[in-house]
């Protein structure tokens, strides 16, 4: 049995089922539903040929070429689908819920699959759903503080202690500064960052508060969704006030062992904002492995940036707490005591 369903119906009733995305590898890599399996009907190259035929010749010609590409793969589609869904019940989607997903579903039904659900309007409807979702009235606790206060580690301890947490930098795979991508794998596309954030948020209890870090809208090359960022900007900020020297020690621990050439590149990227003399001094100190001096020079810029952003907030929403050092677990315990 094949059934056409909406994306809302899928998330309400069928998330327990395996989901196969039959788009090409490039389409899937750009963004997909978290947990989906990619069984491409066409390769990227095949899809391009079919698309060109559709635009320049006719729909019939494109279909004929498509069948030529697909026919040798039909048995493989069945075997892969059985590996993914041995109970022969699954969900299928393509870009717009059209020919690709329906043809794939029909093929499975003919070969013994019992229930195959096709998402109406496909991945495109999922993306609409995601962007609308970010406009919900989330209850957020924003963890603030200058660079080096250990906010990410505090979030991890909050989560270990049962609090709801969104690690935006973890989802973005970036620490949020010019130095933030060093030593990390490539960032997701902006689209897939949004998909990952949606997936994480959707798994949380909307009646309870969610902790997250105070961020600028850009985290490396990705951007926090506009509607969600607007909500973040109105939420209470729990500001960690930690002495500069303690922040320097914390940052040296993080960055001193990273690739020095990449560190130098990061300094060069912000040389105009640091001031060319300061940037040159920082590069000299980096070469001499005087990491604490490099960090202090960088913090002059980053502290000014953060203060500027903080001043744009409603000052009555900012609660500042002073800590003698970077101690993420003790800080997490303190914050829990203040919010429970």
C-alpha atoms as a PDB file:
ATOM      1  CA  UNK A   1       0.000   0.000   0.000  1.00  0.00           C
ATOM      2  CA  UNK A   2       1.253   3.456  -0.926  1.00  0.00           C
ATOM      3  CA  UNK A   3      -0.005   6.498   0.963  1.00  0.00           C
ATOM      4  CA  UNK A   4       0.712  10.191   0.344  1.00  0.00           C
ATOM      5  CA  UNK A   5       1.264  12.068   3.604  1.00  0.00           C
ATOM      6  CA  UNK A   6       2.097  15.609   4.693  1.00  0.00           C
ATOM      7  CA  UNK A   7       5.347  16.496   6.434  1.00  0.00           C
ATOM      8  CA  UNK A   8       3.339  17.387   9.550  1.00  0.00           C
ATOM      9  CA  UNK A   9       1.742  13.923   9.563  1.00  0.00           C
ATOM     10  CA  UNK A  10       5.188  12.354   9.235  1.00  0.00           C
ATOM     11  CA  UNK A  11       6.554  14.148  12.308  1.00  0.00           C
ATOM     12  CA  UNK A  12       3.434  13.452  14.357  1.00  0.00           C
ATOM     13  CA  UNK A  13       3.002   9.794  13.479  1.00  0.00           C
ATOM     14  CA  UNK A  14       5.791   8.172  11.498  1.00  0.00           C
ATOM     15  CA  UNK A  15       9.195   9.314  12.771  1.00  0.00           C
ATOM     16  CA  UNK A  16       9.750   5.794  14.103  1.00  0.00           C
ATOM     17  CA  UNK A  17       9.916   4.490  10.520  1.00  0.00           C
ATOM     18  CA  UNK A  18      13.048   4.482   8.338  1.00  0.00           C
ATOM     19  CA  UNK A  19      13.037   7.285   5.761  1.00  0.00           C
ATOM     20  CA  UNK A  20      14.718   7.081   2.352  1.00  0.00           C
ATOM     21  CA  UNK A  21      15.654  10.205   0.434  1.00  0.00           C
ATOM     22  CA  UNK A  22      15.950   9.343  -3.272  1.00  0.00           C
ATOM     23  CA  UNK A  23      17.528  12.644  -4.365  1.00  0.00           C
ATOM     24  CA  UNK A  24      21.049  12.772  -5.753  1.00  0.00           C
ATOM     25  CA  UNK A  25      24.103  12.782  -3.502  1.00  0.00           C
ATOM     26  CA  UNK A  26      24.696  16.530  -3.976  1.00  0.00           C
ATOM     27  CA  UNK A  27      21.091  17.367  -3.123  1.00  0.00           C
ATOM     28  CA  UNK A  28      21.251  15.147  -0.042  1.00  0.00           C
ATOM     29  CA  UNK A  29      24.580  16.578   1.111  1.00  0.00           C
ATOM     30  CA  UNK A  30      23.283  20.129   0.877  1.00  0.00           C
ATOM     31  CA  UNK A  31      20.564  19.269   3.363  1.00  0.00           C
ATOM     32  CA  UNK A  32      18.329  16.404   4.460  1.00  0.00           C
ATOM     33  CA  UNK A  33      16.069  15.196   7.242  1.00  0.00           C
ATOM     34  CA  UNK A  34      18.270  14.039  10.115  1.00  0.00           C
ATOM     35  CA  UNK A  35      18.378  10.254  10.158  1.00  0.00           C
ATOM     36  CA  UNK A  36      17.334   9.836   6.518  1.00  0.00           C
ATOM     37  CA  UNK A  37      19.111   7.319   4.272  1.00  0.00           C
ATOM     38  CA  UNK A  38      20.192   8.380   0.799  1.00  0.00           C
ATOM     39  CA  UNK A  39      19.381   5.893  -1.971  1.00  0.00           C
ATOM     40  CA  UNK A  40      19.812   8.081  -5.027  1.00  0.00           C
ATOM     41  CA  UNK A  41      17.590   7.387  -8.009  1.00  0.00           C
ATOM     42  CA  UNK A  42      20.040   9.296 -10.223  1.00  0.00           C
ATOM     43  CA  UNK A  43      23.658  10.230  -9.683  1.00  0.00           C
ATOM     44  CA  UNK A  44      24.453  13.947  -9.800  1.00  0.00           C
ATOM     45  CA  UNK A  45      25.651  13.575 -13.401  1.00  0.00           C
ATOM     46  CA  UNK A  46      22.571  11.587 -14.459  1.00  0.00           C
ATOM     47  CA  UNK A  47      20.256  14.101 -12.836  1.00  0.00           C
ATOM     48  CA  UNK A  48      21.949  16.900 -14.786  1.00  0.00           C
ATOM     49  CA  UNK A  49      21.433  15.065 -18.093  1.00  0.00           C
ATOM     50  CA  UNK A  50      17.758  14.348 -17.322  1.00  0.00           C
ATOM     51  CA  UNK A  51      17.188  17.954 -16.294  1.00  0.00           C
ATOM     52  CA  UNK A  52      18.788  19.297 -19.451  1.00  0.00           C
ATOM     53  CA  UNK A  53      16.639  16.999 -21.603  1.00  0.00           C
ATOM     54  CA  UNK A  54      13.518  18.161 -19.786  1.00  0.00           C
ATOM     55  CA  UNK A  55      14.331  21.848 -20.330  1.00  0.00           C
ATOM     56  CA  UNK A  56      15.707  21.694 -23.877  1.00  0.00           C
ATOM     57  CA  UNK A  57      13.766  18.805 -25.415  1.00  0.00           C
ATOM     58  CA  UNK A  58      10.660  17.439 -23.717  1.00  0.00           C
ATOM     59  CA  UNK A  59       9.275  15.774 -20.629  1.00  0.00           C
ATOM     60  CA  UNK A  60       8.910  12.527 -22.579  1.00  0.00           C
ATOM     61  CA  UNK A  61      12.573  12.590 -23.602  1.00  0.00           C
ATOM     62  CA  UNK A  62      13.651  13.220 -20.000  1.00  0.00           C
ATOM     63  CA  UNK A  63      11.518  10.298 -18.785  1.00  0.00           C
ATOM     64  CA  UNK A  64      12.996   7.999 -21.418  1.00  0.00           C
ATOM     65  CA  UNK A  65      16.545   8.922 -20.377  1.00  0.00           C
ATOM     66  CA  UNK A  66      15.579   8.486 -16.735  1.00  0.00           C
ATOM     67  CA  UNK A  67      14.288   4.958 -17.325  1.00  0.00           C
ATOM     68  CA  UNK A  68      17.518   4.117 -19.148  1.00  0.00           C
ATOM     69  CA  UNK A  69      19.545   5.193 -16.093  1.00  0.00           C
ATOM     70  CA  UNK A  70      17.269   3.577 -13.511  1.00  0.00           C
ATOM     71  CA  UNK A  71      16.531   0.164 -15.061  1.00  0.00           C
ATOM     72  CA  UNK A  72      19.941  -1.428 -14.250  1.00  0.00           C
ATOM     73  CA  UNK A  73      19.597  -0.285 -10.631  1.00  0.00           C
ATOM     74  CA  UNK A  74      16.139  -1.711  -9.870  1.00  0.00           C
ATOM     75  CA  UNK A  75      17.328  -4.817  -8.026  1.00  0.00           C
ATOM     76  CA  UNK A  76      19.824  -2.752  -6.091  1.00  0.00           C
ATOM     77  CA  UNK A  77      17.029  -0.421  -4.956  1.00  0.00           C
ATOM     78  CA  UNK A  78      15.154  -3.371  -3.485  1.00  0.00           C
ATOM     79  CA  UNK A  79      18.169  -4.826  -1.673  1.00  0.00           C
ATOM     80  CA  UNK A  80      19.188  -1.461  -0.220  1.00  0.00           C
ATOM     81  CA  UNK A  81      15.636  -0.723   0.889  1.00  0.00           C
ATOM     82  CA  UNK A  82      15.375  -4.123   2.598  1.00  0.00           C
ATOM     83  CA  UNK A  83      18.598  -3.415   4.496  1.00  0.00           C
ATOM     84  CA  UNK A  84      17.169  -0.109   5.674  1.00  0.00           C
ATOM     85  CA  UNK A  85      13.613  -1.327   6.325  1.00  0.00           C
ATOM     86  CA  UNK A  86      13.559  -5.108   6.852  1.00  0.00           C
ATOM     87  CA  UNK A  87       9.935  -4.884   8.071  1.00  0.00           C
ATOM     88  CA  UNK A  88       8.991  -3.521   4.618  1.00  0.00           C
ATOM     89  CA  UNK A  89       7.449  -0.356   5.992  1.00  0.00           C
ATOM     90  CA  UNK A  90       9.116   2.989   5.311  1.00  0.00           C
ATOM     91  CA  UNK A  91       8.834   6.617   4.200  1.00  0.00           C
ATOM     92  CA  UNK A  92      10.083   8.017   0.871  1.00  0.00           C
ATOM     93  CA  UNK A  93      10.786  11.569  -0.238  1.00  0.00           C
ATOM     94  CA  UNK A  94      12.417  13.436  -3.111  1.00  0.00           C
ATOM     95  CA  UNK A  95      12.706  17.166  -3.827  1.00  0.00           C
ATOM     96  CA  UNK A  96       9.025  17.937  -4.482  1.00  0.00           C
ATOM     97  CA  UNK A  97       7.297  14.618  -3.844  1.00  0.00           C
ATOM     98  CA  UNK A  98       6.892  14.011  -7.552  1.00  0.00           C
ATOM     99  CA  UNK A  99       8.056  11.458 -10.056  1.00  0.00           C
ATOM    100  CA  UNK A 100      11.203  10.219  -8.312  1.00  0.00           C
ATOM    101  CA  UNK A 101       9.659   9.366  -4.942  1.00  0.00           C
ATOM    102  CA  UNK A 102       6.442   7.963  -6.407  1.00  0.00           C
ATOM    103  CA  UNK A 103       8.273   5.785  -8.938  1.00  0.00           C
ATOM    104  CA  UNK A 104      10.557   4.466  -6.202  1.00  0.00           C
ATOM    105  CA  UNK A 105       7.582   3.771  -3.922  1.00  0.00           C
ATOM    106  CA  UNK A 106       5.667   1.962  -6.679  1.00  0.00           C
ATOM    107  CA  UNK A 107       8.699  -0.207  -7.373  1.00  0.00           C
ATOM    108  CA  UNK A 108       8.915  -1.214  -3.708  1.00  0.00           C
ATOM    109  CA  UNK A 109       5.195  -2.005  -3.526  1.00  0.00           C
ATOM    110  CA  UNK A 110       5.506  -4.272  -6.587  1.00  0.00           C
ATOM    111  CA  UNK A 111       8.261  -6.174  -4.800  1.00  0.00           C
ATOM    112  CA  UNK A 112       6.475  -6.931  -1.579  1.00  0.00           C
ATOM    113  CA  UNK A 113       6.801  -3.832   0.584  1.00  0.00           C
ATOM    114  CA  UNK A 114       3.666  -3.571   2.707  1.00  0.00           C
ATOM    115  CA  UNK A 115       3.435   0.109   3.606  1.00  0.00           C
ATOM    116  CA  UNK A 116       5.243   2.875   1.757  1.00  0.00           C
ATOM    117  CA  UNK A 117       4.517   6.481   2.644  1.00  0.00           C
ATOM    118  CA  UNK A 118       5.446   9.289   0.238  1.00  0.00           C
ATOM    119  CA  UNK A 119       5.864  12.798   1.640  1.00  0.00           C
ATOM    120  CA  UNK A 120       3.725  15.225  -0.326  1.00  0.00           C
ATOM    121  CA  UNK A 121       5.840  18.032  -1.836  1.00  0.00           C
ATOM    122  CA  UNK A 122       8.917  16.227  -0.533  1.00  0.00           C
ATOM    123  CA  UNK A 123      11.997  17.846   0.938  1.00  0.00           C
ATOM    124  CA  UNK A 124      10.718  21.247  -0.148  1.00  0.00           C
ATOM    125  CA  UNK A 125       7.778  20.921   2.261  1.00  0.00           C
ATOM    126  CA  UNK A 126      10.181  19.829   5.002  1.00  0.00           C
ATOM    127  CA  UNK A 127      12.221  23.003   4.538  1.00  0.00           C
ATOM    128  CA  UNK A 128       9.091  25.155   4.766  1.00  0.00           C
ATOM    129  CA  UNK A 129       8.145  23.317   7.953  1.00  0.00           C
ATOM    130  CA  UNK A 130      11.625  23.860   9.434  1.00  0.00           C
ATOM    131  CA  UNK A 131      11.700  27.600   8.804  1.00  0.00           C
ATOM    132  CA  UNK A 132       8.190  28.082  10.224  1.00  0.00           C
ATOM    133  CA  UNK A 133       9.137  26.023  13.285  1.00  0.00           C
ATOM    134  CA  UNK A 134      11.821  28.545  14.271  1.00  0.00           C
ATOM    135  CA  UNK A 135       9.105  31.126  14.886  1.00  0.00           C
ATOM    136  CA  UNK A 136       7.696  29.193  17.870  1.00  0.00           C
ATOM    137  CA  UNK A 137       7.808  30.926  21.291  1.00  0.00           C
ATOM    138  CA  UNK A 138      10.766  29.056  22.783  1.00  0.00           C
ATOM    139  CA  UNK A 139      11.728  29.597  26.417  1.00  0.00           C
ATOM    140  CA  UNK A 140      15.474  30.257  26.335  1.00  0.00           C
ATOM    141  CA  UNK A 141      18.142  30.906  28.952  1.00  0.00           C
ATOM    142  CA  UNK A 142      21.020  32.655  27.190  1.00  0.00           C
ATOM    143  CA  UNK A 143      24.465  31.972  28.634  1.00  0.00           C
ATOM    144  CA  UNK A 144      26.610  35.060  28.128  1.00  0.00           C
ATOM    145  CA  UNK A 145      30.182  36.064  28.838  1.00  0.00           C
ATOM    146  CA  UNK A 146      33.319  37.317  27.146  1.00  0.00           C
ATOM    147  CA  UNK A 147      35.432  34.958  25.047  1.00  0.00           C
ATOM    148  CA  UNK A 148      37.243  32.424  27.227  1.00  0.00           C
ATOM    149  CA  UNK A 149      34.681  32.054  30.015  1.00  0.00           C
ATOM    150  CA  UNK A 150      34.152  28.387  29.163  1.00  0.00           C
ATOM    151  CA  UNK A 151      30.518  28.765  28.135  1.00  0.00           C
ATOM    152  CA  UNK A 152      30.485  25.669  25.920  1.00  0.00           C
ATOM    153  CA  UNK A 153      31.810  23.483  28.728  1.00  0.00           C
ATOM    154  CA  UNK A 154      29.231  24.983  31.097  1.00  0.00           C
ATOM    155  CA  UNK A 155      26.511  24.006  28.628  1.00  0.00           C
ATOM    156  CA  UNK A 156      27.816  20.442  28.523  1.00  0.00           C
ATOM    157  CA  UNK A 157      27.675  20.199  32.324  1.00  0.00           C
ATOM    158  CA  UNK A 158      24.189  21.700  32.367  1.00  0.00           C
ATOM    159  CA  UNK A 159      23.122  18.958  29.969  1.00  0.00           C
ATOM    160  CA  UNK A 160      24.779  16.247  32.070  1.00  0.00           C
ATOM    161  CA  UNK A 161      22.820  17.559  35.047  1.00  0.00           C
ATOM    162  CA  UNK A 162      19.478  17.178  33.284  1.00  0.00           C
ATOM    163  CA  UNK A 163      18.993  20.620  31.788  1.00  0.00           C
ATOM    164  CA  UNK A 164      17.782  21.143  28.222  1.00  0.00           C
ATOM    165  CA  UNK A 165      20.667  22.475  26.120  1.00  0.00           C
ATOM    166  CA  UNK A 166      21.316  23.545  22.557  1.00  0.00           C
ATOM    167  CA  UNK A 167      25.012  23.721  21.639  1.00  0.00           C
ATOM    168  CA  UNK A 168      24.851  26.033  18.625  1.00  0.00           C
ATOM    169  CA  UNK A 169      28.613  25.917  18.075  1.00  0.00           C
ATOM    170  CA  UNK A 170      28.573  22.127  18.249  1.00  0.00           C
ATOM    171  CA  UNK A 171      25.803  21.957  15.648  1.00  0.00           C
ATOM    172  CA  UNK A 172      27.681  24.481  13.486  1.00  0.00           C
ATOM    173  CA  UNK A 173      30.989  22.657  14.007  1.00  0.00           C
ATOM    174  CA  UNK A 174      32.686  25.972  14.739  1.00  0.00           C
ATOM    175  CA  UNK A 175      33.755  27.875  17.863  1.00  0.00           C
ATOM    176  CA  UNK A 176      32.422  31.156  16.550  1.00  0.00           C
ATOM    177  CA  UNK A 177      35.487  33.319  15.904  1.00  0.00           C
ATOM    178  CA  UNK A 178      38.162  33.716  13.258  1.00  0.00           C
ATOM    179  CA  UNK A 179      39.973  30.939  15.135  1.00  0.00           C
ATOM    180  CA  UNK A 180      36.833  28.858  15.571  1.00  0.00           C
ATOM    181  CA  UNK A 181      37.225  26.348  12.761  1.00  0.00           C
ATOM    182  CA  UNK A 182      40.823  25.350  13.478  1.00  0.00           C
ATOM    183  CA  UNK A 183      41.163  21.647  14.165  1.00  0.00           C
ATOM    184  CA  UNK A 184      37.537  20.916  13.322  1.00  0.00           C
ATOM    185  CA  UNK A 185      35.954  19.210  10.323  1.00  0.00           C
ATOM    186  CA  UNK A 186      34.141  21.223   7.656  1.00  0.00           C
ATOM    187  CA  UNK A 187      30.966  23.039   8.645  1.00  0.00           C
ATOM    188  CA  UNK A 188      27.586  21.868   7.371  1.00  0.00           C
ATOM    189  CA  UNK A 189      25.849  23.937   4.720  1.00  0.00           C
ATOM    190  CA  UNK A 190      23.699  26.708   6.142  1.00  0.00           C
ATOM    191  CA  UNK A 191      20.634  24.711   5.109  1.00  0.00           C
ATOM    192  CA  UNK A 192      21.755  21.588   6.910  1.00  0.00           C
ATOM    193  CA  UNK A 193      22.770  23.587   9.999  1.00  0.00           C
ATOM    194  CA  UNK A 194      19.133  24.716  10.175  1.00  0.00           C
ATOM    195  CA  UNK A 195      17.959  21.116   9.715  1.00  0.00           C
ATOM    196  CA  UNK A 196      20.203  19.922  12.548  1.00  0.00           C
ATOM    197  CA  UNK A 197      19.067  22.726  14.839  1.00  0.00           C
ATOM    198  CA  UNK A 198      15.430  21.917  14.041  1.00  0.00           C
ATOM    199  CA  UNK A 199      16.000  18.240  14.851  1.00  0.00           C
ATOM    200  CA  UNK A 200      17.601  19.048  18.195  1.00  0.00           C
ATOM    201  CA  UNK A 201      14.932  21.573  19.192  1.00  0.00           C
ATOM    202  CA  UNK A 202      12.125  19.261  18.165  1.00  0.00           C
ATOM    203  CA  UNK A 203      13.360  16.636  20.605  1.00  0.00           C
ATOM    204  CA  UNK A 204      13.117  19.005  23.599  1.00  0.00           C
ATOM    205  CA  UNK A 205      10.197  19.774  25.899  1.00  0.00           C
ATOM    206  CA  UNK A 206       8.739  23.128  24.737  1.00  0.00           C
ATOM    207  CA  UNK A 207       7.293  23.851  28.198  1.00  0.00           C
ATOM    208  CA  UNK A 208      10.740  23.892  29.815  1.00  0.00           C
ATOM    209  CA  UNK A 209      13.617  26.336  29.406  1.00  0.00           C
ATOM    210  CA  UNK A 210      16.477  25.654  27.014  1.00  0.00           C
ATOM    211  CA  UNK A 211      20.032  26.790  27.708  1.00  0.00           C
ATOM    212  CA  UNK A 212      22.175  28.061  24.854  1.00  0.00           C
ATOM    213  CA  UNK A 213      25.154  30.310  24.344  1.00  0.00           C
ATOM    214  CA  UNK A 214      24.922  33.988  23.452  1.00  0.00           C
ATOM    215  CA  UNK A 215      26.121  34.147  19.850  1.00  0.00           C
ATOM    216  CA  UNK A 216      26.313  36.628  17.027  1.00  0.00           C
ATOM    217  CA  UNK A 217      24.022  35.493  14.216  1.00  0.00           C
ATOM    218  CA  UNK A 218      26.972  34.154  12.179  1.00  0.00           C
ATOM    219  CA  UNK A 219      28.833  31.120  13.502  1.00  0.00           C
ATOM    220  CA  UNK A 220      31.647  30.714  11.029  1.00  0.00           C
ATOM    221  CA  UNK A 221      29.992  30.347   7.636  1.00  0.00           C
ATOM    222  CA  UNK A 222      26.489  29.497   8.890  1.00  0.00           C
ATOM    223  CA  UNK A 223      23.760  31.709  10.303  1.00  0.00           C
ATOM    224  CA  UNK A 224      21.308  31.191  13.136  1.00  0.00           C
ATOM    225  CA  UNK A 225      17.796  31.268  11.603  1.00  0.00           C
ATOM    226  CA  UNK A 226      16.384  34.784  11.672  1.00  0.00           C
ATOM    227  CA  UNK A 227      13.202  33.982  13.620  1.00  0.00           C
ATOM    228  CA  UNK A 228      15.061  31.928  16.225  1.00  0.00           C
ATOM    229  CA  UNK A 229      17.743  34.604  16.594  1.00  0.00           C
ATOM    230  CA  UNK A 230      15.049  37.230  17.127  1.00  0.00           C
ATOM    231  CA  UNK A 231      13.729  35.137  20.026  1.00  0.00           C
ATOM    232  CA  UNK A 232      17.235  34.720  21.459  1.00  0.00           C
ATOM    233  CA  UNK A 233      17.675  38.507  21.444  1.00  0.00           C
ATOM    234  CA  UNK A 234      14.736  39.010  23.820  1.00  0.00           C
ATOM    235  CA  UNK A 235      15.572  36.282  26.353  1.00  0.00           C
ATOM    236  CA  UNK A 236      17.268  36.683  29.764  1.00  0.00           C
ATOM    237  CA  UNK A 237      21.075  36.584  29.712  1.00  0.00           C
ATOM    238  CA  UNK A 238      23.063  34.878  32.475  1.00  0.00           C
ATOM    239  CA  UNK A 239      26.387  36.682  32.137  1.00  0.00           C
ATOM    240  CA  UNK A 240      29.558  35.009  33.413  1.00  0.00           C
ATOM    241  CA  UNK A 241      32.060  37.595  34.632  1.00  0.00           C
ATOM    242  CA  UNK A 242      35.506  35.981  34.901  1.00  0.00           C
ATOM    243  CA  UNK A 243      38.865  37.811  35.242  1.00  0.00           C
ATOM    244  CA  UNK A 244      40.866  38.372  32.063  1.00  0.00           C
ATOM    245  CA  UNK A 245      43.880  36.349  33.246  1.00  0.00           C
ATOM    246  CA  UNK A 246      41.704  33.308  33.924  1.00  0.00           C
ATOM    247  CA  UNK A 247      40.142  33.587  30.468  1.00  0.00           C
ATOM    248  CA  UNK A 248      43.590  33.820  28.897  1.00  0.00           C
ATOM    249  CA  UNK A 249      44.698  30.621  30.655  1.00  0.00           C
ATOM    250  CA  UNK A 250      41.560  28.823  29.469  1.00  0.00           C
ATOM    251  CA  UNK A 251      42.034  29.905  25.843  1.00  0.00           C
ATOM    252  CA  UNK A 252      45.722  29.005  25.794  1.00  0.00           C
ATOM    253  CA  UNK A 253      44.742  25.494  26.898  1.00  0.00           C
ATOM    254  CA  UNK A 254      42.372  25.257  23.921  1.00  0.00           C
ATOM    255  CA  UNK A 255      44.448  26.812  21.159  1.00  0.00           C
ATOM    256  CA  UNK A 256      48.158  26.377  21.987  1.00  0.00           C
ATOM    257  CA  UNK A 257      48.345  22.848  20.568  1.00  0.00           C
ATOM    258  CA  UNK A 258      46.568  23.713  17.311  1.00  0.00           C
ATOM    259  CA  UNK A 259      48.266  24.241  13.942  1.00  0.00           C
ATOM    260  CA  UNK A 260      50.391  27.393  14.157  1.00  0.00           C
ATOM    261  CA  UNK A 261      49.995  28.179  10.444  1.00  0.00           C
ATOM    262  CA  UNK A 262      46.225  28.110  10.782  1.00  0.00           C
ATOM    263  CA  UNK A 263      46.443  30.297  13.883  1.00  0.00           C
ATOM    264  CA  UNK A 264      48.553  32.765  11.911  1.00  0.00           C
ATOM    265  CA  UNK A 265      46.000  32.765   9.084  1.00  0.00           C
ATOM    266  CA  UNK A 266      43.239  33.510  11.595  1.00  0.00           C
ATOM    267  CA  UNK A 267      45.195  36.466  12.987  1.00  0.00           C
ATOM    268  CA  UNK A 268      45.770  37.763   9.474  1.00  0.00           C
ATOM    269  CA  UNK A 269      42.042  37.605   8.724  1.00  0.00           C
ATOM    270  CA  UNK A 270      41.295  39.992  11.579  1.00  0.00           C
ATOM    271  CA  UNK A 271      44.417  42.157  11.177  1.00  0.00           C
ATOM    272  CA  UNK A 272      42.424  45.194  10.088  1.00  0.00           C
ATOM    273  CA  UNK A 273      40.157  44.940  13.126  1.00  0.00           C
ATOM    274  CA  UNK A 274      43.060  44.260  15.488  1.00  0.00           C
ATOM    275  CA  UNK A 275      45.082  47.073  13.976  1.00  0.00           C
ATOM    276  CA  UNK A 276      47.989  46.182  11.729  1.00  0.00           C
ATOM    277  CA  UNK A 277      50.618  46.896  14.408  1.00  0.00           C
ATOM    278  CA  UNK A 278      48.842  44.679  16.937  1.00  0.00           C
ATOM    279  CA  UNK A 279      48.367  41.970  14.331  1.00  0.00           C
ATOM    280  CA  UNK A 280      52.079  42.011  13.495  1.00  0.00           C
ATOM    281  CA  UNK A 281      52.938  41.875  17.174  1.00  0.00           C
ATOM    282  CA  UNK A 282      50.555  38.940  17.631  1.00  0.00           C
ATOM    283  CA  UNK A 283      52.129  37.053  14.721  1.00  0.00           C
ATOM    284  CA  UNK A 284      55.596  37.647  16.192  1.00  0.00           C
ATOM    285  CA  UNK A 285      54.472  36.385  19.589  1.00  0.00           C
ATOM    286  CA  UNK A 286      52.844  33.361  17.964  1.00  0.00           C
ATOM    287  CA  UNK A 287      56.107  32.499  16.229  1.00  0.00           C
ATOM    288  CA  UNK A 288      57.850  32.746  19.610  1.00  0.00           C
ATOM    289  CA  UNK A 289      55.121  30.565  21.189  1.00  0.00           C
ATOM    290  CA  UNK A 290      54.102  33.325  23.611  1.00  0.00           C
ATOM    291  CA  UNK A 291      50.497  32.190  23.416  1.00  0.00           C
ATOM    292  CA  UNK A 292      49.256  34.195  26.390  1.00  0.00           C
ATOM    293  CA  UNK A 293      50.304  37.430  24.684  1.00  0.00           C
ATOM    294  CA  UNK A 294      48.641  36.374  21.439  1.00  0.00           C
ATOM    295  CA  UNK A 295      45.409  35.646  23.307  1.00  0.00           C
ATOM    296  CA  UNK A 296      45.482  38.972  25.161  1.00  0.00           C
ATOM    297  CA  UNK A 297      45.856  40.868  21.891  1.00  0.00           C
ATOM    298  CA  UNK A 298      42.991  38.966  20.295  1.00  0.00           C
ATOM    299  CA  UNK A 299      40.765  39.518  23.310  1.00  0.00           C
ATOM    300  CA  UNK A 300      41.072  43.275  22.988  1.00  0.00           C
ATOM    301  CA  UNK A 301      39.125  42.959  19.742  1.00  0.00           C
ATOM    302  CA  UNK A 302      36.732  40.185  20.753  1.00  0.00           C
ATOM    303  CA  UNK A 303      35.844  41.771  24.095  1.00  0.00           C
ATOM    304  CA  UNK A 304      34.943  45.033  22.351  1.00  0.00           C
ATOM    305  CA  UNK A 305      32.765  43.141  19.870  1.00  0.00           C
ATOM    306  CA  UNK A 306      30.942  41.238  22.573  1.00  0.00           C
ATOM    307  CA  UNK A 307      30.370  44.353  24.673  1.00  0.00           C
ATOM    308  CA  UNK A 308      28.919  46.118  21.652  1.00  0.00           C
ATOM    309  CA  UNK A 309      26.429  43.293  21.149  1.00  0.00           C
ATOM    310  CA  UNK A 310      25.589  43.178  24.834  1.00  0.00           C
ATOM    311  CA  UNK A 311      24.789  46.890  24.868  1.00  0.00           C
ATOM    312  CA  UNK A 312      22.097  46.344  22.229  1.00  0.00           C
ATOM    313  CA  UNK A 313      20.114  44.171  24.636  1.00  0.00           C
ATOM    314  CA  UNK A 314      17.560  45.288  27.175  1.00  0.00           C
ATOM    315  CA  UNK A 315      19.882  45.851  30.133  1.00  0.00           C
ATOM    316  CA  UNK A 316      17.210  44.748  32.608  1.00  0.00           C
ATOM    317  CA  UNK A 317      17.365  41.250  31.071  1.00  0.00           C
ATOM    318  CA  UNK A 318      21.078  40.819  31.873  1.00  0.00           C
ATOM    319  CA  UNK A 319      22.014  39.113  35.143  1.00  0.00           C
ATOM    320  CA  UNK A 320      25.745  39.242  35.813  1.00  0.00           C
ATOM    321  CA  UNK A 321      27.517  36.762  38.108  1.00  0.00           C
ATOM    322  CA  UNK A 322      31.192  36.977  39.063  1.00  0.00           C
ATOM    323  CA  UNK A 323      33.337  33.845  39.251  1.00  0.00           C
ATOM    324  CA  UNK A 324      37.016  33.743  40.301  1.00  0.00           C
ATOM    325  CA  UNK A 325      38.045  31.251  37.614  1.00  0.00           C
ATOM    326  CA  UNK A 326      36.822  29.061  34.773  1.00  0.00           C
ATOM    327  CA  UNK A 327      35.122  26.154  36.531  1.00  0.00           C
ATOM    328  CA  UNK A 328      32.362  24.828  34.262  1.00  0.00           C
ATOM    329  CA  UNK A 329      30.822  22.276  36.623  1.00  0.00           C
ATOM    330  CA  UNK A 330      30.572  24.625  39.601  1.00  0.00           C
ATOM    331  CA  UNK A 331      29.196  27.319  37.313  1.00  0.00           C
ATOM    332  CA  UNK A 332      26.562  24.912  35.993  1.00  0.00           C
ATOM    333  CA  UNK A 333      25.498  24.033  39.547  1.00  0.00           C
ATOM    334  CA  UNK A 334      25.221  27.730  40.409  1.00  0.00           C
ATOM    335  CA  UNK A 335      23.112  28.501  37.352  1.00  0.00           C
ATOM    336  CA  UNK A 336      20.777  25.603  38.084  1.00  0.00           C
ATOM    337  CA  UNK A 337      20.299  26.914  41.626  1.00  0.00           C
ATOM    338  CA  UNK A 338      19.389  30.319  40.210  1.00  0.00           C
ATOM    339  CA  UNK A 339      16.817  29.041  37.730  1.00  0.00           C
ATOM    340  CA  UNK A 340      15.080  26.225  39.638  1.00  0.00           C
END
